[in-house]
């Protein structure tokens, strides 16, 4: 078994329009991640990420960012465990991010 990182990307112009819509979205996420946990494949439930950020570059150059030129942003992540990249990608089925016109980047975690 290997760990994989799911990086959730979404469009910045798709915020929930009401508290009820936010609650519905959160329930969909909880149900989807609960399904992965029920298979004993959820390593870490991860976190949502704020859109505020700083990018630090060589010579201590600090800019606001990281994606000021594009509309897509990384919204959060989770870690899952699977036997292969293909199996990990299959765990993304039914993810609520797809209903928000978002995507998931699946990456193997390479231990240091």
PDB file of N, CA and C in Angstrom:
ATOM      1  N   UNK A   1       0.846  -1.187   0.000  1.00  0.00           N
ATOM      2  CA  UNK A   1       0.000   0.000   0.000  1.00  0.00           C
ATOM      3  C   UNK A   1       0.886   1.242   0.000  1.00  0.00           C
ATOM      4  N   UNK A   2       0.399   2.254  -0.664  1.00  0.00           N
ATOM      5  CA  UNK A   2       1.131   3.506  -0.791  1.00  0.00           C
ATOM      6  C   UNK A   2       0.173   4.663  -0.499  1.00  0.00           C
ATOM      7  N   UNK A   3       0.731   5.761  -0.018  1.00  0.00           N
ATOM      8  CA  UNK A   3      -0.076   6.943   0.225  1.00  0.00           C
ATOM      9  C   UNK A   3      -0.104   7.831  -1.020  1.00  0.00           C
ATOM     10  N   UNK A   4      -1.260   8.459  -1.233  1.00  0.00           N
ATOM     11  CA  UNK A   4      -1.468   9.359  -2.361  1.00  0.00           C
ATOM     12  C   UNK A   4      -2.110  10.645  -1.854  1.00  0.00           C
ATOM     13  N   UNK A   5      -1.718  11.751  -2.439  1.00  0.00           N
ATOM     14  CA  UNK A   5      -2.274  13.053  -2.096  1.00  0.00           C
ATOM     15  C   UNK A   5      -3.304  13.436  -3.149  1.00  0.00           C
ATOM     16  N   UNK A   6      -4.502  13.782  -2.706  1.00  0.00           N
ATOM     17  CA  UNK A   6      -5.526  14.340  -3.588  1.00  0.00           C
ATOM     18  C   UNK A   6      -5.477  15.845  -3.403  1.00  0.00           C
ATOM     19  N   UNK A   7      -5.163  16.575  -4.459  1.00  0.00           N
ATOM     20  CA  UNK A   7      -5.128  18.035  -4.424  1.00  0.00           C
ATOM     21  C   UNK A   7      -6.373  18.527  -5.146  1.00  0.00           C
ATOM     22  N   UNK A   8      -7.220  19.246  -4.416  1.00  0.00           N
ATOM     23  CA  UNK A   8      -8.490  19.707  -4.975  1.00  0.00           C
ATOM     24  C   UNK A   8      -8.319  21.092  -5.587  1.00  0.00           C
ATOM     25  N   UNK A   9      -8.621  21.182  -6.873  1.00  0.00           N
ATOM     26  CA  UNK A   9      -8.546  22.456  -7.591  1.00  0.00           C
ATOM     27  C   UNK A   9      -9.963  22.887  -7.948  1.00  0.00           C
ATOM     28  N   UNK A  10     -10.227  24.165  -7.777  1.00  0.00           N
ATOM     29  CA  UNK A  10     -11.559  24.668  -8.087  1.00  0.00           C
ATOM     30  C   UNK A  10     -11.464  26.089  -8.627  1.00  0.00           C
ATOM     31  N   UNK A  11     -12.557  26.523  -9.183  1.00  0.00           N
ATOM     32  CA  UNK A  11     -12.644  27.848  -9.768  1.00  0.00           C
ATOM     33  C   UNK A  11     -13.007  28.853  -8.683  1.00  0.00           C
ATOM     34  N   UNK A  12     -12.317  29.967  -8.631  1.00  0.00           N
ATOM     35  CA  UNK A  12     -12.557  30.974  -7.592  1.00  0.00           C
ATOM     36  C   UNK A  12     -13.906  31.654  -7.717  1.00  0.00           C
ATOM     37  N   UNK A  13     -14.534  31.601  -8.876  1.00  0.00           N
ATOM     38  CA  UNK A  13     -15.793  32.317  -9.049  1.00  0.00           C
ATOM     39  C   UNK A  13     -17.014  31.421  -8.794  1.00  0.00           C
ATOM     40  N   UNK A  14     -16.863  30.387  -7.960  1.00  0.00           N
ATOM     41  CA  UNK A  14     -17.963  29.466  -7.694  1.00  0.00           C
ATOM     42  C   UNK A  14     -18.240  29.314  -6.193  1.00  0.00           C
ATOM     43  N   UNK A  15     -18.369  30.443  -5.433  1.00  0.00           N
ATOM     44  CA  UNK A  15     -18.627  30.303  -3.999  1.00  0.00           C
ATOM     45  C   UNK A  15     -20.079  29.902  -3.742  1.00  0.00           C
ATOM     46  N   UNK A  16     -20.350  29.273  -2.582  1.00  0.00           N
ATOM     47  CA  UNK A  16     -21.742  28.961  -2.253  1.00  0.00           C
ATOM     48  C   UNK A  16     -22.537  30.254  -2.098  1.00  0.00           C
ATOM     49  N   UNK A  17     -23.796  30.219  -2.508  1.00  0.00           N
ATOM     50  CA  UNK A  17     -24.596  31.447  -2.505  1.00  0.00           C
ATOM     51  C   UNK A  17     -25.395  31.635  -1.224  1.00  0.00           C
ATOM     52  N   UNK A  18     -25.484  30.605  -0.377  1.00  0.00           N
ATOM     53  CA  UNK A  18     -26.265  30.727   0.849  1.00  0.00           C
ATOM     54  C   UNK A  18     -25.707  29.772   1.904  1.00  0.00           C
ATOM     55  N   UNK A  19     -26.064  29.993   3.169  1.00  0.00           N
ATOM     56  CA  UNK A  19     -25.643  29.045   4.218  1.00  0.00           C
ATOM     57  C   UNK A  19     -26.171  27.630   3.964  1.00  0.00           C
ATOM     58  N   UNK A  20     -27.368  27.537   3.398  1.00  0.00           N
ATOM     59  CA  UNK A  20     -27.934  26.219   3.101  1.00  0.00           C
ATOM     60  C   UNK A  20     -27.114  25.498   2.038  1.00  0.00           C
ATOM     61  N   UNK A  21     -26.675  26.243   0.997  1.00  0.00           N
ATOM     62  CA  UNK A  21     -25.851  25.642  -0.045  1.00  0.00           C
ATOM     63  C   UNK A  21     -24.500  25.204   0.533  1.00  0.00           C
ATOM     64  N   UNK A  22     -23.936  25.999   1.433  1.00  0.00           N
ATOM     65  CA  UNK A  22     -22.673  25.638   2.080  1.00  0.00           C
ATOM     66  C   UNK A  22     -22.855  24.362   2.905  1.00  0.00           C
ATOM     67  N   UNK A  23     -23.963  24.251   3.625  1.00  0.00           N
ATOM     68  CA  UNK A  23     -24.237  23.064   4.424  1.00  0.00           C
ATOM     69  C   UNK A  23     -24.415  21.831   3.532  1.00  0.00           C
ATOM     70  N   UNK A  24     -25.103  21.995   2.414  1.00  0.00           N
ATOM     71  CA  UNK A  24     -25.292  20.894   1.471  1.00  0.00           C
ATOM     72  C   UNK A  24     -23.947  20.438   0.909  1.00  0.00           C
ATOM     73  N   UNK A  25     -23.086  21.387   0.553  1.00  0.00           N
ATOM     74  CA  UNK A  25     -21.752  21.036   0.039  1.00  0.00           C
ATOM     75  C   UNK A  25     -20.942  20.297   1.098  1.00  0.00           C
ATOM     76  N   UNK A  26     -20.972  20.791   2.337  1.00  0.00           N
ATOM     77  CA  UNK A  26     -20.190  20.160   3.396  1.00  0.00           C
ATOM     78  C   UNK A  26     -20.664  18.710   3.639  1.00  0.00           C
ATOM     79  N   UNK A  27     -21.970  18.491   3.602  1.00  0.00           N
ATOM     80  CA  UNK A  27     -22.511  17.139   3.787  1.00  0.00           C
ATOM     81  C   UNK A  27     -22.047  16.211   2.669  1.00  0.00           C
ATOM     82  N   UNK A  28     -22.045  16.721   1.438  1.00  0.00           N
ATOM     83  CA  UNK A  28     -21.573  15.911   0.304  1.00  0.00           C
ATOM     84  C   UNK A  28     -20.111  15.519   0.498  1.00  0.00           C
ATOM     85  N   UNK A  29     -19.285  16.453   0.959  1.00  0.00           N
ATOM     86  CA  UNK A  29     -17.872  16.163   1.216  1.00  0.00           C
ATOM     87  C   UNK A  29     -17.731  15.140   2.335  1.00  0.00           C
ATOM     88  N   UNK A  30     -18.481  15.305   3.416  1.00  0.00           N
ATOM     89  CA  UNK A  30     -18.409  14.366   4.538  1.00  0.00           C
ATOM     90  C   UNK A  30     -18.835  12.967   4.102  1.00  0.00           C
ATOM     91  N   UNK A  31     -19.887  12.879   3.307  1.00  0.00           N
ATOM     92  CA  UNK A  31     -20.359  11.579   2.830  1.00  0.00           C
ATOM     93  C   UNK A  31     -19.322  10.919   1.927  1.00  0.00           C
ATOM     94  N   UNK A  32     -18.737  11.702   1.018  1.00  0.00           N
ATOM     95  CA  UNK A  32     -17.748  11.149   0.088  1.00  0.00           C
ATOM     96  C   UNK A  32     -16.509  10.663   0.839  1.00  0.00           C
ATOM     97  N   UNK A  33     -15.993  11.495   1.740  1.00  0.00           N
ATOM     98  CA  UNK A  33     -14.807  11.084   2.499  1.00  0.00           C
ATOM     99  C   UNK A  33     -15.133   9.940   3.455  1.00  0.00           C
ATOM    100  N   UNK A  34     -16.362   9.914   3.979  1.00  0.00           N
ATOM    101  CA  UNK A  34     -16.785   8.800   4.825  1.00  0.00           C
ATOM    102  C   UNK A  34     -16.775   7.480   4.082  1.00  0.00           C
ATOM    103  N   UNK A  35     -17.125   7.516   2.800  1.00  0.00           N
ATOM    104  CA  UNK A  35     -17.080   6.313   1.976  1.00  0.00           C
ATOM    105  C   UNK A  35     -15.669   5.794   1.801  1.00  0.00           C
ATOM    106  N   UNK A  36     -14.720   6.704   1.648  1.00  0.00           N
ATOM    107  CA  UNK A  36     -13.309   6.306   1.535  1.00  0.00           C
ATOM    108  C   UNK A  36     -12.827   5.754   2.881  1.00  0.00           C
ATOM    109  N   UNK A  37     -13.209   6.427   3.975  1.00  0.00           N
ATOM    110  CA  UNK A  37     -12.819   5.970   5.311  1.00  0.00           C
ATOM    111  C   UNK A  37     -13.398   4.586   5.602  1.00  0.00           C
ATOM    112  N   UNK A  38     -14.619   4.320   5.151  1.00  0.00           N
ATOM    113  CA  UNK A  38     -15.255   3.014   5.377  1.00  0.00           C
ATOM    114  C   UNK A  38     -14.482   1.891   4.693  1.00  0.00           C
ATOM    115  N   UNK A  39     -13.739   2.219   3.633  1.00  0.00           N
ATOM    116  CA  UNK A  39     -12.904   1.230   2.944  1.00  0.00           C
ATOM    117  C   UNK A  39     -11.520   1.132   3.586  1.00  0.00           C
ATOM    118  N   UNK A  40     -11.297   1.890   4.672  1.00  0.00           N
ATOM    119  CA  UNK A  40     -10.006   1.978   5.360  1.00  0.00           C
ATOM    120  C   UNK A  40      -8.912   2.494   4.426  1.00  0.00           C
ATOM    121  N   UNK A  41      -9.279   3.461   3.577  1.00  0.00           N
ATOM    122  CA  UNK A  41      -8.344   4.034   2.605  1.00  0.00           C
ATOM    123  C   UNK A  41      -8.022   5.504   2.900  1.00  0.00           C
ATOM    124  N   UNK A  42      -8.694   6.118   3.882  1.00  0.00           N
ATOM    125  CA  UNK A  42      -8.459   7.519   4.204  1.00  0.00           C
ATOM    126  C   UNK A  42      -7.334   7.611   5.217  1.00  0.00           C
ATOM    127  N   UNK A  43      -6.223   8.236   4.828  1.00  0.00           N
ATOM    128  CA  UNK A  43      -5.069   8.383   5.708  1.00  0.00           C
ATOM    129  C   UNK A  43      -5.211   9.645   6.544  1.00  0.00           C
ATOM    130  N   UNK A  44      -5.601  10.735   5.892  1.00  0.00           N
ATOM    131  CA  UNK A  44      -5.754  12.021   6.558  1.00  0.00           C
ATOM    132  C   UNK A  44      -6.869  12.786   5.881  1.00  0.00           C
ATOM    133  N   UNK A  45      -7.743  13.373   6.683  1.00  0.00           N
ATOM    134  CA  UNK A  45      -8.849  14.124   6.098  1.00  0.00           C
ATOM    135  C   UNK A  45      -8.407  15.468   5.551  1.00  0.00           C
ATOM    136  N   UNK A  46      -7.140  15.830   5.739  1.00  0.00           N
ATOM    137  CA  UNK A  46      -6.615  17.044   5.137  1.00  0.00           C
ATOM    138  C   UNK A  46      -7.265  18.293   5.679  1.00  0.00           C
ATOM    139  N   UNK A  47      -7.171  19.343   4.915  1.00  0.00           N
ATOM    140  CA  UNK A  47      -7.685  20.643   5.306  1.00  0.00           C
ATOM    141  C   UNK A  47      -8.072  21.437   4.084  1.00  0.00           C
ATOM    142  N   UNK A  48      -8.950  22.408   4.307  1.00  0.00           N
ATOM    143  CA  UNK A  48      -9.205  23.398   3.270  1.00  0.00           C
ATOM    144  C   UNK A  48      -8.079  24.420   3.351  1.00  0.00           C
ATOM    145  N   UNK A  49      -7.787  25.070   2.258  1.00  0.00           N
ATOM    146  CA  UNK A  49      -6.744  26.085   2.234  1.00  0.00           C
ATOM    147  C   UNK A  49      -7.352  27.441   1.943  1.00  0.00           C
ATOM    148  N   UNK A  50      -6.864  28.454   2.621  1.00  0.00           N
ATOM    149  CA  UNK A  50      -7.311  29.823   2.396  1.00  0.00           C
ATOM    150  C   UNK A  50      -6.806  30.302   1.040  1.00  0.00           C
ATOM    151  N   UNK A  51      -7.509  31.247   0.462  1.00  0.00           N
ATOM    152  CA  UNK A  51      -7.036  31.816  -0.812  1.00  0.00           C
ATOM    153  C   UNK A  51      -5.945  32.853  -0.581  1.00  0.00           C
ATOM    154  N   UNK A  52      -5.767  33.309   0.659  1.00  0.00           N
ATOM    155  CA  UNK A  52      -4.664  34.226   0.975  1.00  0.00           C
ATOM    156  C   UNK A  52      -3.365  33.445   0.987  1.00  0.00           C
ATOM    157  N   UNK A  53      -2.329  34.015   0.392  1.00  0.00           N
ATOM    158  CA  UNK A  53      -1.046  33.318   0.361  1.00  0.00           C
ATOM    159  C   UNK A  53       0.078  34.300   0.049  1.00  0.00           C
ATOM    160  N   UNK A  54       1.278  33.871   0.337  1.00  0.00           N
ATOM    161  CA  UNK A  54       2.497  34.569  -0.043  1.00  0.00           C
ATOM    162  C   UNK A  54       3.400  33.542  -0.710  1.00  0.00           C
ATOM    163  N   UNK A  55       4.142  33.965  -1.714  1.00  0.00           N
ATOM    164  CA  UNK A  55       5.127  33.110  -2.362  1.00  0.00           C
ATOM    165  C   UNK A  55       6.493  33.704  -2.068  1.00  0.00           C
ATOM    166  N   UNK A  56       7.371  32.897  -1.490  1.00  0.00           N
ATOM    167  CA  UNK A  56       8.718  33.350  -1.163  1.00  0.00           C
ATOM    168  C   UNK A  56       9.660  32.741  -2.183  1.00  0.00           C
ATOM    169  N   UNK A  57      10.397  33.612  -2.847  1.00  0.00           N
ATOM    170  CA  UNK A  57      11.312  33.190  -3.906  1.00  0.00           C
ATOM    171  C   UNK A  57      12.748  33.441  -3.467  1.00  0.00           C
ATOM    172  N   UNK A  58      13.718  32.980  -4.253  1.00  0.00           N
ATOM    173  CA  UNK A  58      15.116  33.216  -3.896  1.00  0.00           C
ATOM    174  C   UNK A  58      15.390  34.706  -3.654  1.00  0.00           C
ATOM    175  N   UNK A  59      16.376  34.967  -2.834  1.00  0.00           N
ATOM    176  CA  UNK A  59      16.784  36.322  -2.450  1.00  0.00           C
ATOM    177  C   UNK A  59      15.691  37.033  -1.660  1.00  0.00           C
ATOM    178  N   UNK A  60      14.838  36.225  -0.966  1.00  0.00           N
ATOM    179  CA  UNK A  60      13.785  36.729  -0.088  1.00  0.00           C
ATOM    180  C   UNK A  60      12.794  37.647  -0.800  1.00  0.00           C
ATOM    181  N   UNK A  61      12.492  37.347  -2.062  1.00  0.00           N
ATOM    182  CA  UNK A  61      11.456  38.079  -2.794  1.00  0.00           C
ATOM    183  C   UNK A  61      10.113  37.468  -2.390  1.00  0.00           C
ATOM    184  N   UNK A  62       9.232  38.293  -1.855  1.00  0.00           N
ATOM    185  CA  UNK A  62       7.931  37.830  -1.380  1.00  0.00           C
ATOM    186  C   UNK A  62       6.838  38.508  -2.188  1.00  0.00           C
ATOM    187  N   UNK A  63       5.939  37.679  -2.747  1.00  0.00           N
ATOM    188  CA  UNK A  63       4.836  38.231  -3.535  1.00  0.00           C
ATOM    189  C   UNK A  63       3.512  37.683  -3.010  1.00  0.00           C
ATOM    190  N   UNK A  64       2.444  38.401  -3.273  1.00  0.00           N
ATOM    191  CA  UNK A  64       1.114  37.872  -2.997  1.00  0.00           C
ATOM    192  C   UNK A  64       0.864  36.790  -4.021  1.00  0.00           C
ATOM    193  N   UNK A  65       0.104  35.803  -3.643  1.00  0.00           N
ATOM    194  CA  UNK A  65      -0.108  34.750  -4.631  1.00  0.00           C
ATOM    195  C   UNK A  65      -0.862  33.608  -4.024  1.00  0.00           C
ATOM    196  N   UNK A  66      -0.714  32.468  -4.594  1.00  0.00           N
ATOM    197  CA  UNK A  66       0.234  32.173  -5.655  1.00  0.00           C
ATOM    198  C   UNK A  66      -0.335  32.259  -7.052  1.00  0.00           C
ATOM    199  N   UNK A  67      -1.634  32.421  -7.222  1.00  0.00           N
ATOM    200  CA  UNK A  67      -2.231  32.287  -8.545  1.00  0.00           C
ATOM    201  C   UNK A  67      -3.029  33.527  -8.915  1.00  0.00           C
ATOM    202  N   UNK A  68      -2.436  34.698  -8.812  1.00  0.00           N
ATOM    203  CA  UNK A  68      -3.194  35.921  -9.071  1.00  0.00           C
ATOM    204  C   UNK A  68      -3.604  36.071 -10.526  1.00  0.00           C
ATOM    205  N   UNK A  69      -2.924  35.377 -11.451  1.00  0.00           N
ATOM    206  CA  UNK A  69      -3.236  35.534 -12.874  1.00  0.00           C
ATOM    207  C   UNK A  69      -4.322  34.588 -13.364  1.00  0.00           C
ATOM    208  N   UNK A  70      -4.663  33.581 -12.595  1.00  0.00           N
ATOM    209  CA  UNK A  70      -5.622  32.588 -13.065  1.00  0.00           C
ATOM    210  C   UNK A  70      -6.796  32.497 -12.104  1.00  0.00           C
ATOM    211  N   UNK A  71      -7.877  31.902 -12.550  1.00  0.00           N
ATOM    212  CA  UNK A  71      -9.065  31.781 -11.724  1.00  0.00           C
ATOM    213  C   UNK A  71      -9.081  30.502 -10.897  1.00  0.00           C
ATOM    214  N   UNK A  72      -8.281  29.506 -11.274  1.00  0.00           N
ATOM    215  CA  UNK A  72      -8.276  28.241 -10.562  1.00  0.00           C
ATOM    216  C   UNK A  72      -7.341  28.330  -9.358  1.00  0.00           C
ATOM    217  N   UNK A  73      -7.732  27.694  -8.272  1.00  0.00           N
ATOM    218  CA  UNK A  73      -6.902  27.680  -7.081  1.00  0.00           C
ATOM    219  C   UNK A  73      -6.936  26.308  -6.427  1.00  0.00           C
ATOM    220  N   UNK A  74      -5.950  26.028  -5.601  1.00  0.00           N
ATOM    221  CA  UNK A  74      -5.951  24.813  -4.812  1.00  0.00           C
ATOM    222  C   UNK A  74      -6.792  25.105  -3.575  1.00  0.00           C
ATOM    223  N   UNK A  75      -7.856  24.316  -3.397  1.00  0.00           N
ATOM    224  CA  UNK A  75      -8.782  24.572  -2.308  1.00  0.00           C
ATOM    225  C   UNK A  75      -8.550  23.702  -1.089  1.00  0.00           C
ATOM    226  N   UNK A  76      -7.837  22.600  -1.235  1.00  0.00           N
ATOM    227  CA  UNK A  76      -7.583  21.716  -0.112  1.00  0.00           C
ATOM    228  C   UNK A  76      -6.982  20.407  -0.568  1.00  0.00           C
ATOM    229  N   UNK A  77      -6.877  19.470   0.376  1.00  0.00           N
ATOM    230  CA  UNK A  77      -6.243  18.192   0.068  1.00  0.00           C
ATOM    231  C   UNK A  77      -6.682  17.146   1.073  1.00  0.00           C
ATOM    232  N   UNK A  78      -6.533  15.881   0.707  1.00  0.00           N
ATOM    233  CA  UNK A  78      -6.620  14.750   1.626  1.00  0.00           C
ATOM    234  C   UNK A  78      -5.554  13.753   1.220  1.00  0.00           C
ATOM    235  N   UNK A  79      -5.271  12.801   2.110  1.00  0.00           N
ATOM    236  CA  UNK A  79      -4.356  11.713   1.787  1.00  0.00           C
ATOM    237  C   UNK A  79      -5.133  10.415   1.861  1.00  0.00           C
ATOM    238  N   UNK A  80      -4.903   9.568   0.848  1.00  0.00           N
ATOM    239  CA  UNK A  80      -5.540   8.261   0.798  1.00  0.00           C
ATOM    240  C   UNK A  80      -4.461   7.192   0.658  1.00  0.00           C
ATOM    241  N   UNK A  81      -4.847   5.957   0.882  1.00  0.00           N
ATOM    242  CA  UNK A  81      -3.922   4.828   0.741  1.00  0.00           C
ATOM    243  C   UNK A  81      -4.510   3.867  -0.278  1.00  0.00           C
ATOM    244  N   UNK A  82      -3.679   3.437  -1.218  1.00  0.00           N
ATOM    245  CA  UNK A  82      -4.131   2.521  -2.271  1.00  0.00           C
ATOM    246  C   UNK A  82      -2.941   1.684  -2.740  1.00  0.00           C
ATOM    247  N   UNK A  83      -3.247   0.647  -3.515  1.00  0.00           N
ATOM    248  CA  UNK A  83      -2.201  -0.229  -4.040  1.00  0.00           C
ATOM    249  C   UNK A  83      -1.526   0.337  -5.285  1.00  0.00           C
ATOM    250  N   UNK A  84      -2.192   1.272  -5.971  1.00  0.00           N
ATOM    251  CA  UNK A  84      -1.622   1.812  -7.207  1.00  0.00           C
ATOM    252  C   UNK A  84      -2.202   3.197  -7.466  1.00  0.00           C
ATOM    253  N   UNK A  85      -1.572   3.915  -8.384  1.00  0.00           N
ATOM    254  CA  UNK A  85      -2.075   5.213  -8.805  1.00  0.00           C
ATOM    255  C   UNK A  85      -3.463   5.072  -9.417  1.00  0.00           C
ATOM    256  N   UNK A  86      -3.683   4.006 -10.159  1.00  0.00           N
ATOM    257  CA  UNK A  86      -4.982   3.774 -10.787  1.00  0.00           C
ATOM    258  C   UNK A  86      -6.066   3.557  -9.732  1.00  0.00           C
ATOM    259  N   UNK A  87      -5.752   2.772  -8.686  1.00  0.00           N
ATOM    260  CA  UNK A  87      -6.732   2.562  -7.621  1.00  0.00           C
ATOM    261  C   UNK A  87      -7.013   3.873  -6.891  1.00  0.00           C
ATOM    262  N   UNK A  88      -5.960   4.650  -6.619  1.00  0.00           N
ATOM    263  CA  UNK A  88      -6.141   5.938  -5.946  1.00  0.00           C
ATOM    264  C   UNK A  88      -7.033   6.854  -6.782  1.00  0.00           C
ATOM    265  N   UNK A  89      -6.776   6.914  -8.082  1.00  0.00           N
ATOM    266  CA  UNK A  89      -7.601   7.754  -8.953  1.00  0.00           C
ATOM    267  C   UNK A  89      -9.053   7.283  -8.926  1.00  0.00           C
ATOM    268  N   UNK A  90      -9.268   5.983  -8.837  1.00  0.00           N
ATOM    269  CA  UNK A  90     -10.617   5.442  -8.768  1.00  0.00           C
ATOM    270  C   UNK A  90     -11.367   5.872  -7.515  1.00  0.00           C
ATOM    271  N   UNK A  91     -10.641   6.152  -6.431  1.00  0.00           N
ATOM    272  CA  UNK A  91     -11.284   6.605  -5.200  1.00  0.00           C
ATOM    273  C   UNK A  91     -11.896   7.995  -5.351  1.00  0.00           C
ATOM    274  N   UNK A  92     -11.516   8.714  -6.393  1.00  0.00           N
ATOM    275  CA  UNK A  92     -12.052  10.066  -6.609  1.00  0.00           C
ATOM    276  C   UNK A  92     -13.490  10.049  -7.132  1.00  0.00           C
ATOM    277  N   UNK A  93     -13.976   8.883  -7.540  1.00  0.00           N
ATOM    278  CA  UNK A  93     -15.333   8.777  -8.076  1.00  0.00           C
ATOM    279  C   UNK A  93     -16.345   9.365  -7.101  1.00  0.00           C
ATOM    280  N   UNK A  94     -17.198  10.237  -7.613  1.00  0.00           N
ATOM    281  CA  UNK A  94     -18.249  10.829  -6.796  1.00  0.00           C
ATOM    282  C   UNK A  94     -17.829  12.019  -5.967  1.00  0.00           C
ATOM    283  N   UNK A  95     -16.600  12.482  -6.130  1.00  0.00           N
ATOM    284  CA  UNK A  95     -16.137  13.626  -5.343  1.00  0.00           C
ATOM    285  C   UNK A  95     -16.979  14.872  -5.660  1.00  0.00           C
ATOM    286  N   UNK A  96     -17.403  15.613  -4.630  1.00  0.00           N
ATOM    287  CA  UNK A  96     -18.218  16.810  -4.848  1.00  0.00           C
ATOM    288  C   UNK A  96     -17.521  17.913  -5.655  1.00  0.00           C
ATOM    289  N   UNK A  97     -16.209  17.880  -5.740  1.00  0.00           N
ATOM    290  CA  UNK A  97     -15.489  18.925  -6.486  1.00  0.00           C
ATOM    291  C   UNK A  97     -15.901  18.926  -7.953  1.00  0.00           C
ATOM    292  N   UNK A  98     -16.280  17.752  -8.474  1.00  0.00           N
ATOM    293  CA  UNK A  98     -16.667  17.671  -9.884  1.00  0.00           C
ATOM    294  C   UNK A  98     -17.954  18.435 -10.148  1.00  0.00           C
ATOM    295  N   UNK A  99     -18.852  18.495  -9.168  1.00  0.00           N
ATOM    296  CA  UNK A  99     -20.080  19.265  -9.305  1.00  0.00           C
ATOM    297  C   UNK A  99     -19.862  20.762  -9.226  1.00  0.00           C
ATOM    298  N   UNK A 100     -18.645  21.165  -8.840  1.00  0.00           N
ATOM    299  CA  UNK A 100     -18.279  22.579  -8.761  1.00  0.00           C
ATOM    300  C   UNK A 100     -17.342  22.952  -9.907  1.00  0.00           C
ATOM    301  N   UNK A 101     -17.313  22.108 -10.946  1.00  0.00           N
ATOM    302  CA  UNK A 101     -16.440  22.301 -12.093  1.00  0.00           C
ATOM    303  C   UNK A 101     -14.967  22.309 -11.692  1.00  0.00           C
ATOM    304  N   UNK A 102     -14.650  21.530 -10.661  1.00  0.00           N
ATOM    305  CA  UNK A 102     -13.270  21.437 -10.198  1.00  0.00           C
ATOM    306  C   UNK A 102     -12.624  20.144 -10.652  1.00  0.00           C
ATOM    307  N   UNK A 103     -11.409  19.925 -10.167  1.00  0.00           N
ATOM    308  CA  UNK A 103     -10.662  18.726 -10.534  1.00  0.00           C
ATOM    309  C   UNK A 103      -9.839  18.251  -9.341  1.00  0.00           C
ATOM    310  N   UNK A 104      -9.343  17.020  -9.464  1.00  0.00           N
ATOM    311  CA  UNK A 104      -8.467  16.450  -8.446  1.00  0.00           C
ATOM    312  C   UNK A 104      -7.163  16.048  -9.117  1.00  0.00           C
ATOM    313  N   UNK A 105      -6.079  16.487  -8.544  1.00  0.00           N
ATOM    314  CA  UNK A 105      -4.757  16.010  -8.958  1.00  0.00           C
ATOM    315  C   UNK A 105      -4.366  14.923  -7.970  1.00  0.00           C
ATOM    316  N   UNK A 106      -4.038  13.734  -8.456  1.00  0.00           N
ATOM    317  CA  UNK A 106      -3.661  12.606  -7.596  1.00  0.00           C
ATOM    318  C   UNK A 106      -2.165  12.386  -7.765  1.00  0.00           C
ATOM    319  N   UNK A 107      -1.448  12.441  -6.618  1.00  0.00           N
ATOM    320  CA  UNK A 107       0.009  12.261  -6.676  1.00  0.00           C
ATOM    321  C   UNK A 107       0.465  11.248  -5.650  1.00  0.00           C
ATOM    322  N   UNK A 108       1.351  10.331  -6.041  1.00  0.00           N
ATOM    323  CA  UNK A 108       1.945   9.435  -5.062  1.00  0.00           C
ATOM    324  C   UNK A 108       2.817  10.240  -4.093  1.00  0.00           C
ATOM    325  N   UNK A 109       2.809   9.839  -2.821  1.00  0.00           N
ATOM    326  CA  UNK A 109       3.669  10.464  -1.829  1.00  0.00           C
ATOM    327  C   UNK A 109       4.941   9.624  -1.768  1.00  0.00           C
ATOM    328  N   UNK A 110       6.070  10.261  -1.954  1.00  0.00           N
ATOM    329  CA  UNK A 110       7.357   9.576  -1.951  1.00  0.00           C
ATOM    330  C   UNK A 110       8.032   9.843  -0.601  1.00  0.00           C
ATOM    331  N   UNK A 111       8.183   8.813   0.232  1.00  0.00           N
ATOM    332  CA  UNK A 111       8.813   9.024   1.535  1.00  0.00           C
ATOM    333  C   UNK A 111      10.255   9.523   1.370  1.00  0.00           C
ATOM    334  N   UNK A 112      10.657  10.384   2.261  1.00  0.00           N
ATOM    335  CA  UNK A 112      12.019  10.919   2.237  1.00  0.00           C
ATOM    336  C   UNK A 112      12.953   9.995   2.986  1.00  0.00           C
TER     337      UNK A 112
END
